[in-house]
Amino acid sequence: MEKIRLKLKAYDHRVLDRSVASIVDAVRRTGAEIIGPVPMPSKFKRYTVLRSPHVNKDSREQFEIRIHSRMIDIVSATSDTIDSLMKLDLAPEVEVEIRSMDK
C-alpha cells in the first residue's frame, strides 16, 4: 500500500479531461481509493512579435500558450492498480509525471 501522485499537463483541456477520466475509471475498477482530479492553475506564456522586422515597430502581434494541469492522488495503490495504469493508452499530447510517496 502506497500513495501515488499523478500530475498531468496538456495544452488542450478537452484532451486532458478525457485522459483524466480514463485514468480515474481504470483506478476505480481495481478498487483503489482516489482523490481528485484537482484542477491546478493554468499557466500562460505570452509572446509579442513584430509584424515587420524593419519598419512599423508599433505594429505587433501577440500570441499566448495555455498549459492546463490536473493532479490525482491514488491513496491505496495495489499491484493491480499499477498494472492497469501501465496498460492505459493516453493521448500523446498529455504529459504525465508519476511520483511514489510513502506513507
N, C-alpha and C. Protein backbone atom coordinates (compact mmCIF):
# COMPACT_ATOMS: atom_id res chain seq x y z
N MET A 1 0.84 -1.18 0.00
CA MET A 1 0.00 0.00 0.00
C MET A 1 0.88 1.24 0.00
N GLU A 2 0.76 2.03 -1.05
CA GLU A 2 1.50 3.26 -1.12
C GLU A 2 0.65 4.32 -1.78
N LYS A 3 1.12 5.55 -1.69
CA LYS A 3 0.41 6.67 -2.28
C LYS A 3 1.12 7.07 -3.57
N ILE A 4 0.35 7.24 -4.63
CA ILE A 4 0.91 7.63 -5.92
C ILE A 4 0.28 8.96 -6.33
N ARG A 5 1.11 9.90 -6.77
CA ARG A 5 0.62 11.20 -7.23
C ARG A 5 0.90 11.31 -8.73
N LEU A 6 -0.16 11.61 -9.48
CA LEU A 6 -0.05 11.81 -10.92
C LEU A 6 -0.28 13.28 -11.22
N LYS A 7 0.62 13.88 -11.97
CA LYS A 7 0.44 15.24 -12.45
C LYS A 7 0.37 15.20 -13.97
N LEU A 8 -0.71 15.71 -14.51
CA LEU A 8 -0.93 15.69 -15.94
C LEU A 8 -0.94 17.12 -16.47
N LYS A 9 -0.28 17.33 -17.62
CA LYS A 9 -0.23 18.66 -18.24
C LYS A 9 -0.52 18.50 -19.72
N ALA A 10 -1.24 19.50 -20.27
CA ALA A 10 -1.53 19.50 -21.70
C ALA A 10 -1.91 20.91 -22.14
N TYR A 11 -1.80 21.14 -23.44
CA TYR A 11 -2.18 22.43 -24.00
C TYR A 11 -3.69 22.52 -24.22
N ASP A 12 -4.34 21.39 -24.49
CA ASP A 12 -5.77 21.35 -24.76
C ASP A 12 -6.49 20.74 -23.56
N HIS A 13 -7.42 21.47 -22.98
CA HIS A 13 -8.08 21.00 -21.76
C HIS A 13 -9.04 19.85 -22.05
N ARG A 14 -9.59 19.76 -23.25
CA ARG A 14 -10.51 18.66 -23.57
C ARG A 14 -9.77 17.32 -23.62
N VAL A 15 -8.60 17.31 -24.23
CA VAL A 15 -7.78 16.09 -24.28
C VAL A 15 -7.34 15.69 -22.87
N LEU A 16 -6.99 16.68 -22.08
CA LEU A 16 -6.56 16.44 -20.70
C LEU A 16 -7.70 15.82 -19.89
N ASP A 17 -8.91 16.35 -20.03
CA ASP A 17 -10.05 15.82 -19.27
C ASP A 17 -10.40 14.39 -19.69
N ARG A 18 -10.26 14.06 -20.98
CA ARG A 18 -10.51 12.69 -21.43
C ARG A 18 -9.48 11.73 -20.84
N SER A 19 -8.22 12.15 -20.79
CA SER A 19 -7.18 11.30 -20.21
C SER A 19 -7.40 11.09 -18.72
N VAL A 20 -7.79 12.15 -18.03
CA VAL A 20 -8.05 12.06 -16.59
C VAL A 20 -9.22 11.11 -16.34
N ALA A 21 -10.26 11.18 -17.16
CA ALA A 21 -11.42 10.31 -16.99
C ALA A 21 -11.03 8.84 -17.19
N SER A 22 -10.18 8.55 -18.16
CA SER A 22 -9.77 7.16 -18.38
C SER A 22 -8.90 6.65 -17.22
N ILE A 23 -8.06 7.52 -16.67
CA ILE A 23 -7.24 7.13 -15.51
C ILE A 23 -8.13 6.84 -14.30
N VAL A 24 -9.09 7.71 -14.05
CA VAL A 24 -9.98 7.54 -12.89
C VAL A 24 -10.79 6.25 -13.04
N ASP A 25 -11.29 5.97 -14.24
CA ASP A 25 -12.05 4.72 -14.45
C ASP A 25 -11.17 3.49 -14.21
N ALA A 26 -9.94 3.52 -14.71
CA ALA A 26 -9.04 2.37 -14.54
C ALA A 26 -8.69 2.14 -13.07
N VAL A 27 -8.49 3.21 -12.33
CA VAL A 27 -8.12 3.08 -10.92
C VAL A 27 -9.31 2.61 -10.10
N ARG A 28 -10.50 3.12 -10.40
CA ARG A 28 -11.68 2.71 -9.63
C ARG A 28 -12.04 1.24 -9.89
N ARG A 29 -11.75 0.74 -11.10
CA ARG A 29 -12.02 -0.67 -11.40
C ARG A 29 -11.17 -1.60 -10.55
N THR A 30 -9.98 -1.16 -10.14
CA THR A 30 -9.11 -2.01 -9.32
C THR A 30 -9.46 -1.91 -7.84
N GLY A 31 -10.33 -0.98 -7.47
CA GLY A 31 -10.76 -0.87 -6.08
C GLY A 31 -9.90 0.05 -5.24
N ALA A 32 -9.02 0.82 -5.85
CA ALA A 32 -8.18 1.73 -5.08
C ALA A 32 -8.94 3.02 -4.79
N GLU A 33 -8.54 3.68 -3.71
CA GLU A 33 -9.15 4.95 -3.33
C GLU A 33 -8.44 6.08 -4.06
N ILE A 34 -9.22 7.02 -4.57
CA ILE A 34 -8.65 8.10 -5.39
C ILE A 34 -9.11 9.45 -4.85
N ILE A 35 -8.20 10.41 -4.89
CA ILE A 35 -8.51 11.79 -4.51
C ILE A 35 -8.27 12.65 -5.74
N GLY A 36 -9.29 13.33 -6.17
CA GLY A 36 -9.12 14.21 -7.33
C GLY A 36 -10.02 13.79 -8.46
N PRO A 37 -9.82 14.28 -9.61
CA PRO A 37 -8.75 15.14 -10.10
C PRO A 37 -8.91 16.59 -9.61
N VAL A 38 -7.81 17.16 -9.22
CA VAL A 38 -7.77 18.53 -8.73
C VAL A 38 -7.25 19.42 -9.86
N PRO A 39 -8.05 20.39 -10.33
CA PRO A 39 -7.55 21.28 -11.38
C PRO A 39 -6.57 22.29 -10.78
N MET A 40 -5.38 22.33 -11.33
CA MET A 40 -4.36 23.26 -10.89
C MET A 40 -4.47 24.54 -11.73
N PRO A 41 -3.91 25.65 -11.27
CA PRO A 41 -3.99 26.88 -12.06
C PRO A 41 -3.29 26.73 -13.41
N SER A 42 -3.92 27.29 -14.44
CA SER A 42 -3.34 27.26 -15.78
C SER A 42 -2.20 28.26 -15.86
N LYS A 43 -1.18 27.90 -16.62
CA LYS A 43 -0.05 28.79 -16.82
C LYS A 43 -0.14 29.38 -18.22
N PHE A 44 0.17 30.65 -18.32
CA PHE A 44 0.10 31.37 -19.58
C PHE A 44 1.49 31.79 -20.00
N LYS A 45 1.82 31.51 -21.25
CA LYS A 45 3.06 32.02 -21.83
C LYS A 45 2.65 32.96 -22.95
N ARG A 46 3.07 34.22 -22.84
CA ARG A 46 2.69 35.22 -23.84
C ARG A 46 3.92 35.67 -24.60
N TYR A 47 3.77 35.79 -25.92
CA TYR A 47 4.85 36.22 -26.79
C TYR A 47 4.37 37.40 -27.63
N THR A 48 5.22 38.41 -27.74
CA THR A 48 4.94 39.56 -28.60
C THR A 48 5.96 39.57 -29.72
N VAL A 49 5.47 39.67 -30.95
CA VAL A 49 6.32 39.58 -32.13
C VAL A 49 6.06 40.78 -33.02
N LEU A 50 7.13 41.35 -33.57
CA LEU A 50 6.96 42.43 -34.54
C LEU A 50 6.38 41.87 -35.83
N ARG A 51 5.41 42.57 -36.42
CA ARG A 51 4.83 42.10 -37.67
C ARG A 51 5.80 42.27 -38.84
N SER A 52 6.54 43.35 -38.80
CA SER A 52 7.51 43.60 -39.85
C SER A 52 8.85 43.85 -39.19
N PRO A 53 9.92 43.19 -39.61
CA PRO A 53 11.19 43.30 -38.88
C PRO A 53 11.91 44.64 -39.03
N HIS A 54 11.61 45.40 -40.08
CA HIS A 54 12.40 46.62 -40.31
C HIS A 54 11.62 47.90 -40.12
N VAL A 55 10.32 47.91 -40.40
CA VAL A 55 9.52 49.13 -40.27
C VAL A 55 8.31 48.83 -39.42
N ASN A 56 7.62 49.88 -39.03
CA ASN A 56 6.37 49.78 -38.26
C ASN A 56 6.56 49.03 -36.94
N LYS A 57 7.38 49.62 -36.09
CA LYS A 57 7.62 48.99 -34.78
C LYS A 57 6.37 48.98 -33.92
N ASP A 58 5.43 49.87 -34.19
CA ASP A 58 4.21 49.93 -33.39
C ASP A 58 3.23 48.81 -33.76
N SER A 59 3.43 48.16 -34.87
CA SER A 59 2.55 47.08 -35.30
C SER A 59 3.10 45.75 -34.81
N ARG A 60 2.41 45.16 -33.86
CA ARG A 60 2.89 43.91 -33.25
C ARG A 60 1.76 42.91 -33.15
N GLU A 61 2.13 41.63 -33.06
CA GLU A 61 1.17 40.56 -32.84
C GLU A 61 1.49 39.91 -31.50
N GLN A 62 0.45 39.48 -30.81
CA GLN A 62 0.64 38.83 -29.53
C GLN A 62 0.05 37.42 -29.59
N PHE A 63 0.83 36.46 -29.08
CA PHE A 63 0.41 35.07 -29.05
C PHE A 63 0.47 34.56 -27.62
N GLU A 64 -0.35 33.54 -27.35
CA GLU A 64 -0.43 33.02 -25.99
C GLU A 64 -0.57 31.50 -26.04
N ILE A 65 0.13 30.82 -25.15
CA ILE A 65 0.01 29.38 -24.98
C ILE A 65 -0.47 29.14 -23.56
N ARG A 66 -1.51 28.34 -23.42
CA ARG A 66 -2.03 27.99 -22.09
C ARG A 66 -1.67 26.54 -21.78
N ILE A 67 -1.15 26.33 -20.57
CA ILE A 67 -0.80 24.99 -20.12
C ILE A 67 -1.74 24.63 -18.98
N HIS A 68 -2.62 23.66 -19.23
CA HIS A 68 -3.59 23.21 -18.23
C HIS A 68 -3.01 22.01 -17.49
N SER A 69 -3.31 21.91 -16.20
CA SER A 69 -2.77 20.78 -15.43
C SER A 69 -3.81 20.28 -14.42
N ARG A 70 -3.70 18.99 -14.13
CA ARG A 70 -4.56 18.32 -13.15
C ARG A 70 -3.68 17.45 -12.26
N MET A 71 -4.13 17.22 -11.03
CA MET A 71 -3.40 16.38 -10.10
C MET A 71 -4.35 15.31 -9.55
N ILE A 72 -3.87 14.07 -9.51
CA ILE A 72 -4.65 12.95 -8.99
C ILE A 72 -3.80 12.22 -7.96
N ASP A 73 -4.37 11.95 -6.79
CA ASP A 73 -3.71 11.16 -5.76
C ASP A 73 -4.41 9.81 -5.64
N ILE A 74 -3.63 8.74 -5.72
CA ILE A 74 -4.15 7.39 -5.52
C ILE A 74 -3.64 6.95 -4.16
N VAL A 75 -4.57 6.79 -3.22
CA VAL A 75 -4.18 6.60 -1.82
C VAL A 75 -3.77 5.16 -1.53
N SER A 76 -4.60 4.21 -1.87
CA SER A 76 -4.30 2.81 -1.54
C SER A 76 -4.02 2.04 -2.82
N ALA A 77 -2.85 2.25 -3.38
CA ALA A 77 -2.49 1.61 -4.65
C ALA A 77 -2.02 0.18 -4.41
N THR A 78 -2.47 -0.73 -5.26
CA THR A 78 -2.03 -2.12 -5.21
C THR A 78 -1.28 -2.43 -6.51
N SER A 79 -0.81 -3.64 -6.63
CA SER A 79 -0.09 -4.02 -7.85
C SER A 79 -1.04 -4.05 -9.05
N ASP A 80 -2.32 -4.38 -8.83
CA ASP A 80 -3.31 -4.35 -9.92
C ASP A 80 -3.51 -2.92 -10.42
N THR A 81 -3.49 -1.97 -9.50
CA THR A 81 -3.66 -0.56 -9.87
C THR A 81 -2.51 -0.10 -10.75
N ILE A 82 -1.30 -0.45 -10.37
CA ILE A 82 -0.12 -0.04 -11.14
C ILE A 82 -0.12 -0.71 -12.51
N ASP A 83 -0.52 -1.98 -12.57
CA ASP A 83 -0.60 -2.68 -13.86
C ASP A 83 -1.62 -2.03 -14.78
N SER A 84 -2.78 -1.65 -14.23
CA SER A 84 -3.80 -1.03 -15.07
C SER A 84 -3.37 0.35 -15.55
N LEU A 85 -2.60 1.06 -14.74
CA LEU A 85 -2.08 2.37 -15.17
C LEU A 85 -1.05 2.22 -16.28
N MET A 86 -0.24 1.19 -16.21
CA MET A 86 0.77 0.97 -17.24
C MET A 86 0.15 0.56 -18.57
N LYS A 87 -1.00 -0.11 -18.54
CA LYS A 87 -1.63 -0.58 -19.77
C LYS A 87 -2.49 0.49 -20.45
N LEU A 88 -2.70 1.62 -19.79
CA LEU A 88 -3.55 2.66 -20.37
C LEU A 88 -2.89 3.29 -21.60
N ASP A 89 -3.71 3.60 -22.58
CA ASP A 89 -3.23 4.26 -23.79
C ASP A 89 -3.74 5.70 -23.76
N LEU A 90 -2.89 6.62 -23.30
CA LEU A 90 -3.27 8.03 -23.19
C LEU A 90 -2.88 8.77 -24.46
N ALA A 91 -3.44 9.95 -24.61
CA ALA A 91 -3.14 10.79 -25.77
C ALA A 91 -1.67 11.23 -25.72
N PRO A 92 -1.03 11.31 -26.86
CA PRO A 92 0.40 11.70 -26.87
C PRO A 92 0.63 13.16 -26.47
N GLU A 93 -0.42 13.98 -26.50
CA GLU A 93 -0.25 15.39 -26.12
C GLU A 93 -0.17 15.60 -24.61
N VAL A 94 -0.56 14.59 -23.84
CA VAL A 94 -0.62 14.73 -22.39
C VAL A 94 0.70 14.27 -21.77
N GLU A 95 1.27 15.14 -20.96
CA GLU A 95 2.49 14.81 -20.24
C GLU A 95 2.10 14.32 -18.84
N VAL A 96 2.57 13.13 -18.47
CA VAL A 96 2.22 12.53 -17.18
C VAL A 96 3.48 12.39 -16.34
N GLU A 97 3.40 12.91 -15.12
CA GLU A 97 4.51 12.76 -14.17
C GLU A 97 3.98 11.89 -13.02
N ILE A 98 4.65 10.78 -12.77
CA ILE A 98 4.23 9.84 -11.73
C ILE A 98 5.23 9.90 -10.59
N ARG A 99 4.70 10.02 -9.38
CA ARG A 99 5.56 10.13 -8.22
C ARG A 99 5.02 9.21 -7.12
N SER A 100 5.88 8.39 -6.57
CA SER A 100 5.51 7.48 -5.50
C SER A 100 5.84 8.14 -4.16
N MET A 101 4.86 8.14 -3.27
CA MET A 101 5.05 8.77 -1.97
C MET A 101 4.73 7.74 -0.90
N ASP A 102 5.68 7.49 0.00
CA ASP A 102 5.45 6.54 1.07
C ASP A 102 4.67 7.21 2.18
N LYS A 103 3.84 6.42 2.84
CA LYS A 103 3.03 6.97 3.93
C LYS A 103 3.85 7.15 5.18
